[in-house]
Amino acid sequence: MTGAHWAVIGLLALAAFVIRVAGLIAGGRIRASRHAWILEALPGLIVVSLVASSLAGEPTATWIAAALALGVAVLTNHVIATMVLGVAAFATLQGLGL
């Protein structure tokens, strides 16, 4: 490898390090502020955004199975039951041709 390759690798490593340190500093400041609730809600918000973006453009059967899984999650608060019933609903709906 040439010196230019090593320079790019070094620059990218430095950028990755700076991004991580900046995240640690920002996280510490947020925890000490009145906006600390954001960090507590963040994991759930990330999951919801991933699910919502994956449902965009999906057929009706997927939406129905997702709604059923949401209902199971609200009623039981049990991750395994939610996954099993959501997948079973999707497989059933696919088998019915929806």
PDB file of N, CA and C in Angstrom:
ATOM      1  N   MET A   1       0.838  -1.181   0.000  1.00  0.00           N
ATOM      2  CA  MET A   1       0.000   0.000   0.000  1.00  0.00           C
ATOM      3  C   MET A   1       0.882   1.242   0.000  1.00  0.00           C
ATOM      4  N   THR A   2       0.325   2.261  -0.586  1.00  0.00           N
ATOM      5  CA  THR A   2       1.076   3.512  -0.672  1.00  0.00           C
ATOM      6  C   THR A   2       0.816   4.373   0.565  1.00  0.00           C
ATOM      7  N   GLY A   3       1.557   5.449   0.633  1.00  0.00           N
ATOM      8  CA  GLY A   3       1.383   6.390   1.732  1.00  0.00           C
ATOM      9  C   GLY A   3      -0.005   7.015   1.733  1.00  0.00           C
ATOM     10  N   ALA A   4      -0.579   7.207   0.551  1.00  0.00           N
ATOM     11  CA  ALA A   4      -1.924   7.785   0.459  1.00  0.00           C
ATOM     12  C   ALA A   4      -2.963   6.841   1.073  1.00  0.00           C
ATOM     13  N   HIS A   5      -2.783   5.541   0.855  1.00  0.00           N
ATOM     14  CA  HIS A   5      -3.701   4.570   1.450  1.00  0.00           C
ATOM     15  C   HIS A   5      -3.642   4.637   2.970  1.00  0.00           C
ATOM     16  N   TRP A   6      -2.425   4.672   3.504  1.00  0.00           N
ATOM     17  CA  TRP A   6      -2.252   4.738   4.959  1.00  0.00           C
ATOM     18  C   TRP A   6      -2.814   6.043   5.521  1.00  0.00           C
ATOM     19  N   ALA A   7      -2.676   7.117   4.762  1.00  0.00           N
ATOM     20  CA  ALA A   7      -3.219   8.408   5.206  1.00  0.00           C
ATOM     21  C   ALA A   7      -4.743   8.355   5.294  1.00  0.00           C
ATOM     22  N   VAL A   8      -5.367   7.736   4.310  1.00  0.00           N
ATOM     23  CA  VAL A   8      -6.829   7.605   4.332  1.00  0.00           C
ATOM     24  C   VAL A   8      -7.258   6.725   5.498  1.00  0.00           C
ATOM     25  N   ILE A   9      -6.576   5.618   5.714  1.00  0.00           N
ATOM     26  CA  ILE A   9      -6.902   4.730   6.834  1.00  0.00           C
ATOM     27  C   ILE A   9      -6.745   5.474   8.159  1.00  0.00           C
ATOM     28  N   GLY A  10      -5.657   6.197   8.308  1.00  0.00           N
ATOM     29  CA  GLY A  10      -5.440   6.967   9.536  1.00  0.00           C
ATOM     30  C   GLY A  10      -6.490   8.038   9.738  1.00  0.00           C
ATOM     31  N   LEU A  11      -6.854   8.733   8.672  1.00  0.00           N
ATOM     32  CA  LEU A  11      -7.883   9.774   8.755  1.00  0.00           C
ATOM     33  C   LEU A  11      -9.234   9.179   9.134  1.00  0.00           C
ATOM     34  N   LEU A  12      -9.580   8.052   8.545  1.00  0.00           N
ATOM     35  CA  LEU A  12     -10.850   7.397   8.882  1.00  0.00           C
ATOM     36  C   LEU A  12     -10.848   6.887  10.323  1.00  0.00           C
ATOM     37  N   ALA A  13      -9.733   6.364  10.787  1.00  0.00           N
ATOM     38  CA  ALA A  13      -9.636   5.908  12.182  1.00  0.00           C
ATOM     39  C   ALA A  13      -9.786   7.090  13.133  1.00  0.00           C
ATOM     40  N   LEU A  14      -9.139   8.193  12.819  1.00  0.00           N
ATOM     41  CA  LEU A  14      -9.256   9.394  13.648  1.00  0.00           C
ATOM     42  C   LEU A  14     -10.693   9.911  13.658  1.00  0.00           C
ATOM     43  N   ALA A  15     -11.340   9.932  12.500  1.00  0.00           N
ATOM     44  CA  ALA A  15     -12.730  10.392  12.413  1.00  0.00           C
ATOM     45  C   ALA A  15     -13.652   9.493  13.235  1.00  0.00           C
ATOM     46  N   ALA A  16     -13.453   8.178  13.176  1.00  0.00           N
ATOM     47  CA  ALA A  16     -14.273   7.254  13.966  1.00  0.00           C
ATOM     48  C   ALA A  16     -14.076   7.505  15.455  1.00  0.00           C
ATOM     49  N   PHE A  17     -12.845   7.739  15.862  1.00  0.00           N
ATOM     50  CA  PHE A  17     -12.551   8.012  17.268  1.00  0.00           C
ATOM     51  C   PHE A  17     -13.206   9.316  17.716  1.00  0.00           C
ATOM     52  N   VAL A  18     -13.092  10.359  16.911  1.00  0.00           N
ATOM     53  CA  VAL A  18     -13.676  11.660  17.253  1.00  0.00           C
ATOM     54  C   VAL A  18     -15.191  11.564  17.350  1.00  0.00           C
ATOM     55  N   ILE A  19     -15.818  10.828  16.453  1.00  0.00           N
ATOM     56  CA  ILE A  19     -17.272  10.654  16.498  1.00  0.00           C
ATOM     57  C   ILE A  19     -17.683   9.970  17.794  1.00  0.00           C
ATOM     58  N   ARG A  20     -16.956   8.946  18.197  1.00  0.00           N
ATOM     59  CA  ARG A  20     -17.287   8.239  19.442  1.00  0.00           C
ATOM     60  C   ARG A  20     -17.089   9.122  20.673  1.00  0.00           C
ATOM     61  N   VAL A  21     -16.013   9.858  20.701  1.00  0.00           N
ATOM     62  CA  VAL A  21     -15.762  10.749  21.841  1.00  0.00           C
ATOM     63  C   VAL A  21     -16.820  11.840  21.894  1.00  0.00           C
ATOM     64  N   ALA A  22     -17.176  12.387  20.744  1.00  0.00           N
ATOM     65  CA  ALA A  22     -18.220  13.419  20.705  1.00  0.00           C
ATOM     66  C   ALA A  22     -19.547  12.856  21.203  1.00  0.00           C
ATOM     67  N   GLY A  23     -19.857  11.610  20.850  1.00  0.00           N
ATOM     68  CA  GLY A  23     -21.072  10.974  21.340  1.00  0.00           C
ATOM     69  C   GLY A  23     -21.061  10.796  22.845  1.00  0.00           C
ATOM     70  N   LEU A  24     -19.915  10.413  23.397  1.00  0.00           N
ATOM     71  CA  LEU A  24     -19.794  10.271  24.851  1.00  0.00           C
ATOM     72  C   LEU A  24     -19.978  11.615  25.553  1.00  0.00           C
ATOM     73  N   ILE A  25     -19.371  12.638  25.014  1.00  0.00           N
ATOM     74  CA  ILE A  25     -19.492  13.966  25.623  1.00  0.00           C
ATOM     75  C   ILE A  25     -20.930  14.467  25.524  1.00  0.00           C
ATOM     76  N   ALA A  26     -21.528  14.332  24.345  1.00  0.00           N
ATOM     77  CA  ALA A  26     -22.910  14.787  24.169  1.00  0.00           C
ATOM     78  C   ALA A  26     -23.854  13.992  25.056  1.00  0.00           C
ATOM     79  N   GLY A  27     -23.653  12.686  25.153  1.00  0.00           N
ATOM     80  CA  GLY A  27     -24.496  11.852  26.010  1.00  0.00           C
ATOM     81  C   GLY A  27     -24.396  12.256  27.467  1.00  0.00           C
ATOM     82  N   GLY A  28     -23.182  12.569  27.915  1.00  0.00           N
ATOM     83  CA  GLY A  28     -22.999  13.020  29.293  1.00  0.00           C
ATOM     84  C   GLY A  28     -23.695  14.338  29.560  1.00  0.00           C
ATOM     85  N   ARG A  29     -23.630  15.243  28.606  1.00  0.00           N
ATOM     86  CA  ARG A  29     -24.297  16.536  28.778  1.00  0.00           C
ATOM     87  C   ARG A  29     -25.811  16.388  28.743  1.00  0.00           C
ATOM     88  N   ILE A  30     -26.314  15.505  27.888  1.00  0.00           N
ATOM     89  CA  ILE A  30     -27.768  15.292  27.826  1.00  0.00           C
ATOM     90  C   ILE A  30     -28.251  14.663  29.126  1.00  0.00           C
ATOM     91  N   ARG A  31     -27.505  13.691  29.660  1.00  0.00           N
ATOM     92  CA  ARG A  31     -27.894  13.050  30.925  1.00  0.00           C
ATOM     93  C   ARG A  31     -27.982  14.054  32.069  1.00  0.00           C
ATOM     94  N   ALA A  32     -27.154  15.081  32.035  1.00  0.00           N
ATOM     95  CA  ALA A  32     -27.135  16.085  33.095  1.00  0.00           C
ATOM     96  C   ALA A  32     -28.152  17.200  32.861  1.00  0.00           C
ATOM     97  N   SER A  33     -28.849  17.183  31.724  1.00  0.00           N
ATOM     98  CA  SER A  33     -29.784  18.260  31.409  1.00  0.00           C
ATOM     99  C   SER A  33     -31.227  17.821  31.639  1.00  0.00           C
ATOM    100  N   ARG A  34     -32.138  18.723  31.343  1.00  0.00           N
ATOM    101  CA  ARG A  34     -33.561  18.400  31.473  1.00  0.00           C
ATOM    102  C   ARG A  34     -34.063  17.524  30.329  1.00  0.00           C
ATOM    103  N   HIS A  35     -33.210  17.228  29.372  1.00  0.00           N
ATOM    104  CA  HIS A  35     -33.580  16.396  28.225  1.00  0.00           C
ATOM    105  C   HIS A  35     -33.147  14.936  28.399  1.00  0.00           C
ATOM    106  N   ALA A  36     -32.876  14.521  29.628  1.00  0.00           N
ATOM    107  CA  ALA A  36     -32.411  13.154  29.892  1.00  0.00           C
ATOM    108  C   ALA A  36     -33.447  12.116  29.483  1.00  0.00           C
ATOM    109  N   TRP A  37     -34.715  12.468  29.473  1.00  0.00           N
ATOM    110  CA  TRP A  37     -35.768  11.521  29.088  1.00  0.00           C
ATOM    111  C   TRP A  37     -35.591  11.039  27.652  1.00  0.00           C
ATOM    112  N   ILE A  38     -34.920  11.836  26.833  1.00  0.00           N
ATOM    113  CA  ILE A  38     -34.710  11.441  25.436  1.00  0.00           C
ATOM    114  C   ILE A  38     -33.874  10.173  25.364  1.00  0.00           C
ATOM    115  N   LEU A  39     -32.818  10.093  26.183  1.00  0.00           N
ATOM    116  CA  LEU A  39     -31.964   8.903  26.167  1.00  0.00           C
ATOM    117  C   LEU A  39     -32.707   7.678  26.667  1.00  0.00           C
ATOM    118  N   GLU A  40     -33.641   7.869  27.608  1.00  0.00           N
ATOM    119  CA  GLU A  40     -34.415   6.736  28.109  1.00  0.00           C
ATOM    120  C   GLU A  40     -35.381   6.222  27.055  1.00  0.00           C
ATOM    121  N   ALA A  41     -35.933   7.119  26.247  1.00  0.00           N
ATOM    122  CA  ALA A  41     -36.909   6.727  25.231  1.00  0.00           C
ATOM    123  C   ALA A  41     -36.256   6.313  23.914  1.00  0.00           C
ATOM    124  N   LEU A  42     -34.987   6.576  23.745  1.00  0.00           N
ATOM    125  CA  LEU A  42     -34.318   6.360  22.461  1.00  0.00           C
ATOM    126  C   LEU A  42     -34.361   4.922  21.950  1.00  0.00           C
ATOM    127  N   PRO A  43     -34.089   3.886  22.749  1.00  0.00           N
ATOM    128  CA  PRO A  43     -34.133   2.524  22.198  1.00  0.00           C
ATOM    129  C   PRO A  43     -35.501   2.164  21.606  1.00  0.00           C
ATOM    130  N   GLY A  44     -36.564   2.516  22.303  1.00  0.00           N
ATOM    131  CA  GLY A  44     -37.902   2.239  21.775  1.00  0.00           C
ATOM    132  C   GLY A  44     -38.187   3.015  20.504  1.00  0.00           C
ATOM    133  N   LEU A  45     -37.739   4.265  20.461  1.00  0.00           N
ATOM    134  CA  LEU A  45     -37.952   5.077  19.268  1.00  0.00           C
ATOM    135  C   LEU A  45     -37.199   4.516  18.068  1.00  0.00           C
ATOM    136  N   ILE A  46     -36.017   3.985  18.306  1.00  0.00           N
ATOM    137  CA  ILE A  46     -35.237   3.390  17.212  1.00  0.00           C
ATOM    138  C   ILE A  46     -35.950   2.152  16.672  1.00  0.00           C
ATOM    139  N   VAL A  47     -36.460   1.306  17.564  1.00  0.00           N
ATOM    140  CA  VAL A  47     -37.165   0.097  17.133  1.00  0.00           C
ATOM    141  C   VAL A  47     -38.408   0.470  16.331  1.00  0.00           C
ATOM    142  N   VAL A  48     -39.169   1.439  16.819  1.00  0.00           N
ATOM    143  CA  VAL A  48     -40.386   1.861  16.114  1.00  0.00           C
ATOM    144  C   VAL A  48     -40.042   2.404  14.729  1.00  0.00           C
ATOM    145  N   SER A  49     -38.983   3.193  14.632  1.00  0.00           N
ATOM    146  CA  SER A  49     -38.617   3.743  13.324  1.00  0.00           C
ATOM    147  C   SER A  49     -38.159   2.650  12.367  1.00  0.00           C
ATOM    148  N   LEU A  50     -37.445   1.647  12.868  1.00  0.00           N
ATOM    149  CA  LEU A  50     -37.020   0.539  12.003  1.00  0.00           C
ATOM    150  C   LEU A  50     -38.216  -0.275  11.515  1.00  0.00           C
ATOM    151  N   VAL A  51     -39.158  -0.546  12.405  1.00  0.00           N
ATOM    152  CA  VAL A  51     -40.352  -1.309  12.021  1.00  0.00           C
ATOM    153  C   VAL A  51     -41.186  -0.512  11.032  1.00  0.00           C
ATOM    154  N   ALA A  52     -41.390   0.769  11.307  1.00  0.00           N
ATOM    155  CA  ALA A  52     -42.206   1.598  10.426  1.00  0.00           C
ATOM    156  C   ALA A  52     -41.601   1.692   9.030  1.00  0.00           C
ATOM    157  N   SER A  53     -40.293   1.872   8.957  1.00  0.00           N
ATOM    158  CA  SER A  53     -39.665   1.971   7.636  1.00  0.00           C
ATOM    159  C   SER A  53     -39.673   0.630   6.905  1.00  0.00           C
ATOM    160  N   SER A  54     -39.634  -0.471   7.638  1.00  0.00           N
ATOM    161  CA  SER A  54     -39.674  -1.775   6.968  1.00  0.00           C
ATOM    162  C   SER A  54     -41.083  -2.115   6.497  1.00  0.00           C
ATOM    163  N   LEU A  55     -42.112  -1.536   7.100  1.00  0.00           N
ATOM    164  CA  LEU A  55     -43.487  -1.795   6.680  1.00  0.00           C
ATOM    165  C   LEU A  55     -43.892  -0.967   5.461  1.00  0.00           C
ATOM    166  N   ALA A  56     -43.186   0.111   5.209  1.00  0.00           N
ATOM    167  CA  ALA A  56     -43.532   0.970   4.081  1.00  0.00           C
ATOM    168  C   ALA A  56     -43.458   0.177   2.775  1.00  0.00           C
ATOM    169  N   GLY A  57     -44.524   0.195   2.043  1.00  0.00           N
ATOM    170  CA  GLY A  57     -44.566  -0.484   0.751  1.00  0.00           C
ATOM    171  C   GLY A  57     -44.832  -1.979   0.817  1.00  0.00           C
ATOM    172  N   GLU A  58     -45.098  -2.512   1.987  1.00  0.00           N
ATOM    173  CA  GLU A  58     -45.363  -3.942   2.130  1.00  0.00           C
ATOM    174  C   GLU A  58     -46.831  -4.244   1.832  1.00  0.00           C
ATOM    175  N   PRO A  59     -47.142  -5.488   1.478  1.00  0.00           N
ATOM    176  CA  PRO A  59     -48.530  -5.848   1.175  1.00  0.00           C
ATOM    177  C   PRO A  59     -49.404  -5.873   2.439  1.00  0.00           C
ATOM    178  N   THR A  60     -50.691  -5.997   2.224  1.00  0.00           N
ATOM    179  CA  THR A  60     -51.679  -5.957   3.305  1.00  0.00           C
ATOM    180  C   THR A  60     -51.434  -7.032   4.354  1.00  0.00           C
ATOM    181  N   ALA A  61     -51.048  -8.219   3.939  1.00  0.00           N
ATOM    182  CA  ALA A  61     -50.814  -9.313   4.896  1.00  0.00           C
ATOM    183  C   ALA A  61     -49.752  -8.935   5.916  1.00  0.00           C
ATOM    184  N   THR A  62     -48.736  -8.243   5.491  1.00  0.00           N
ATOM    185  CA  THR A  62     -47.675  -7.829   6.405  1.00  0.00           C
ATOM    186  C   THR A  62     -48.207  -6.825   7.419  1.00  0.00           C
ATOM    187  N   TRP A  63     -49.023  -5.898   6.973  1.00  0.00           N
ATOM    188  CA  TRP A  63     -49.598  -4.893   7.869  1.00  0.00           C
ATOM    189  C   TRP A  63     -50.539  -5.540   8.880  1.00  0.00           C
ATOM    190  N   ILE A  64     -51.331  -6.502   8.428  1.00  0.00           N
ATOM    191  CA  ILE A  64     -52.254  -7.183   9.350  1.00  0.00           C
ATOM    192  C   ILE A  64     -51.464  -7.962  10.399  1.00  0.00           C
ATOM    193  N   ALA A  65     -50.440  -8.684   9.964  1.00  0.00           N
ATOM    194  CA  ALA A  65     -49.612  -9.443  10.910  1.00  0.00           C
ATOM    195  C   ALA A  65     -48.895  -8.507  11.882  1.00  0.00           C
ATOM    196  N   ALA A  66     -48.440  -7.367  11.398  1.00  0.00           N
ATOM    197  CA  ALA A  66     -47.784  -6.399  12.272  1.00  0.00           C
ATOM    198  C   ALA A  66     -48.770  -5.824  13.291  1.00  0.00           C
ATOM    199  N   ALA A  67     -50.003  -5.563  12.852  1.00  0.00           N
ATOM    200  CA  ALA A  67     -51.024  -5.057  13.778  1.00  0.00           C
ATOM    201  C   ALA A  67     -51.353  -6.102  14.840  1.00  0.00           C
ATOM    202  N   LEU A  68     -51.438  -7.360  14.433  1.00  0.00           N
ATOM    203  CA  LEU A  68     -51.683  -8.430  15.395  1.00  0.00           C
ATOM    204  C   LEU A  68     -50.518  -8.534  16.388  1.00  0.00           C
ATOM    205  N   ALA A  69     -49.306  -8.462  15.880  1.00  0.00           N
ATOM    206  CA  ALA A  69     -48.136  -8.521  16.756  1.00  0.00           C
ATOM    207  C   ALA A  69     -48.133  -7.342  17.727  1.00  0.00           C
ATOM    208  N   LEU A  70     -48.516  -6.171  17.263  1.00  0.00           N
ATOM    209  CA  LEU A  70     -48.599  -5.012  18.156  1.00  0.00           C
ATOM    210  C   LEU A  70     -49.638  -5.244  19.249  1.00  0.00           C
ATOM    211  N   GLY A  71     -50.793  -5.803  18.865  1.00  0.00           N
ATOM    212  CA  GLY A  71     -51.817  -6.111  19.859  1.00  0.00           C
ATOM    213  C   GLY A  71     -51.331  -7.103  20.901  1.00  0.00           C
ATOM    214  N   VAL A  72     -50.634  -8.139  20.455  1.00  0.00           N
ATOM    215  CA  VAL A  72     -50.081  -9.131  21.387  1.00  0.00           C
ATOM    216  C   VAL A  72     -49.056  -8.478  22.305  1.00  0.00           C
ATOM    217  N   ALA A  73     -48.226  -7.607  21.755  1.00  0.00           N
ATOM    218  CA  ALA A  73     -47.211  -6.929  22.562  1.00  0.00           C
ATOM    219  C   ALA A  73     -47.853  -6.051  23.628  1.00  0.00           C
ATOM    220  N   VAL A  74     -48.903  -5.347  23.265  1.00  0.00           N
ATOM    221  CA  VAL A  74     -49.577  -4.464  24.227  1.00  0.00           C
ATOM    222  C   VAL A  74     -50.257  -5.287  25.318  1.00  0.00           C
ATOM    223  N   LEU A  75     -50.908  -6.381  24.935  1.00  0.00           N
ATOM    224  CA  LEU A  75     -51.660  -7.183  25.896  1.00  0.00           C
ATOM    225  C   LEU A  75     -50.765  -8.024  26.806  1.00  0.00           C
ATOM    226  N   THR A  76     -49.696  -8.584  26.249  1.00  0.00           N
ATOM    227  CA  THR A  76     -48.896  -9.543  27.018  1.00  0.00           C
ATOM    228  C   THR A  76     -47.561  -8.994  27.501  1.00  0.00           C
ATOM    229  N   ASN A  77     -47.006  -8.005  26.793  1.00  0.00           N
ATOM    230  CA  ASN A  77     -45.671  -7.493  27.090  1.00  0.00           C
ATOM    231  C   ASN A  77     -44.641  -8.631  27.103  1.00  0.00           C
ATOM    232  N   HIS A  78     -44.813  -9.567  26.178  1.00  0.00           N
ATOM    233  CA  HIS A  78     -43.962 -10.759  26.090  1.00  0.00           C
ATOM    234  C   HIS A  78     -43.365 -10.823  24.684  1.00  0.00           C
ATOM    235  N   VAL A  79     -42.047 -10.701  24.586  1.00  0.00           N
ATOM    236  CA  VAL A  79     -41.380 -10.616  23.293  1.00  0.00           C
ATOM    237  C   VAL A  79     -41.552 -11.894  22.480  1.00  0.00           C
ATOM    238  N   ILE A  80     -41.362 -13.045  23.108  1.00  0.00           N
ATOM    239  CA  ILE A  80     -41.437 -14.319  22.376  1.00  0.00           C
ATOM    240  C   ILE A  80     -42.848 -14.547  21.844  1.00  0.00           C
ATOM    241  N   ALA A  81     -43.860 -14.309  22.680  1.00  0.00           N
ATOM    242  CA  ALA A  81     -45.245 -14.476  22.226  1.00  0.00           C
ATOM    243  C   ALA A  81     -45.545 -13.537  21.069  1.00  0.00           C
ATOM    244  N   THR A  82     -45.044 -12.324  21.134  1.00  0.00           N
ATOM    245  CA  THR A  82     -45.266 -11.355  20.061  1.00  0.00           C
ATOM    246  C   THR A  82     -44.652 -11.848  18.758  1.00  0.00           C
ATOM    247  N   MET A  83     -43.415 -12.332  18.831  1.00  0.00           N
ATOM    248  CA  MET A  83     -42.753 -12.808  17.613  1.00  0.00           C
ATOM    249  C   MET A  83     -43.444 -14.043  17.051  1.00  0.00           C
ATOM    250  N   VAL A  84     -43.755 -15.001  17.917  1.00  0.00           N
ATOM    251  CA  VAL A  84     -44.357 -16.251  17.450  1.00  0.00           C
ATOM    252  C   VAL A  84     -45.718 -15.987  16.805  1.00  0.00           C
ATOM    253  N   LEU A  85     -46.553 -15.222  17.473  1.00  0.00           N
ATOM    254  CA  LEU A  85     -47.884 -14.967  16.919  1.00  0.00           C
ATOM    255  C   LEU A  85     -47.833 -14.069  15.689  1.00  0.00           C
ATOM    256  N   GLY A  86     -46.907 -13.135  15.645  1.00  0.00           N
ATOM    257  CA  GLY A  86     -46.756 -12.305  14.453  1.00  0.00           C
ATOM    258  C   GLY A  86     -46.321 -13.112  13.247  1.00  0.00           C
ATOM    259  N   VAL A  87     -45.340 -13.984  13.440  1.00  0.00           N
ATOM    260  CA  VAL A  87     -44.873 -14.840  12.340  1.00  0.00           C
ATOM    261  C   VAL A  87     -45.957 -15.829  11.931  1.00  0.00           C
ATOM    262  N   ALA A  88     -46.660 -16.404  12.915  1.00  0.00           N
ATOM    263  CA  ALA A  88     -47.750 -17.343  12.598  1.00  0.00           C
ATOM    264  C   ALA A  88     -48.858 -16.644  11.812  1.00  0.00           C
ATOM    265  N   ALA A  89     -49.190 -15.420  12.212  1.00  0.00           N
ATOM    266  CA  ALA A  89     -50.223 -14.668  11.484  1.00  0.00           C
ATOM    267  C   ALA A  89     -49.773 -14.383  10.064  1.00  0.00           C
ATOM    268  N   PHE A  90     -48.519 -13.984   9.900  1.00  0.00           N
ATOM    269  CA  PHE A  90     -48.014 -13.708   8.554  1.00  0.00           C
ATOM    270  C   PHE A  90     -48.023 -14.966   7.695  1.00  0.00           C
ATOM    271  N   ALA A  91     -47.569 -16.087   8.250  1.00  0.00           N
ATOM    272  CA  ALA A  91     -47.548 -17.346   7.486  1.00  0.00           C
ATOM    273  C   ALA A  91     -48.969 -17.774   7.116  1.00  0.00           C
ATOM    274  N   THR A  92     -49.899 -17.620   8.044  1.00  0.00           N
ATOM    275  CA  THR A  92     -51.285 -17.979   7.758  1.00  0.00           C
ATOM    276  C   THR A  92     -51.861 -17.111   6.662  1.00  0.00           C
ATOM    277  N   LEU A  93     -51.637 -15.811   6.764  1.00  0.00           N
ATOM    278  CA  LEU A  93     -52.160 -14.888   5.742  1.00  0.00           C
ATOM    279  C   LEU A  93     -51.525 -15.153   4.385  1.00  0.00           C
ATOM    280  N   GLN A  94     -50.250 -15.467   4.367  1.00  0.00           N
ATOM    281  CA  GLN A  94     -49.589 -15.799   3.101  1.00  0.00           C
ATOM    282  C   GLN A  94     -50.164 -17.095   2.524  1.00  0.00           C
ATOM    283  N   GLY A  95     -50.427 -18.063   3.415  1.00  0.00           N
ATOM    284  CA  GLY A  95     -51.019 -19.329   2.968  1.00  0.00           C
ATOM    285  C   GLY A  95     -52.413 -19.137   2.393  1.00  0.00           C
ATOM    286  N   LEU A  96     -53.140 -18.152   2.905  1.00  0.00           N
ATOM    287  CA  LEU A  96     -54.482 -17.846   2.395  1.00  0.00           C
ATOM    288  C   LEU A  96     -54.442 -17.020   1.126  1.00  0.00           C
ATOM    289  N   GLY A  97     -53.250 -16.567   0.744  1.00  0.00           N
ATOM    290  CA  GLY A  97     -53.118 -15.821  -0.488  1.00  0.00           C
ATOM    291  C   GLY A  97     -53.343 -14.331  -0.343  1.00  0.00           C
ATOM    292  N   LEU A  98     -53.295 -13.816   0.846  1.00  0.00           N
ATOM    293  CA  LEU A  98     -53.465 -12.361   1.028  1.00  0.00           C
ATOM    294  C   LEU A  98     -52.180 -11.625   0.806  1.00  0.00           C
TER     295      LEU A  98
END
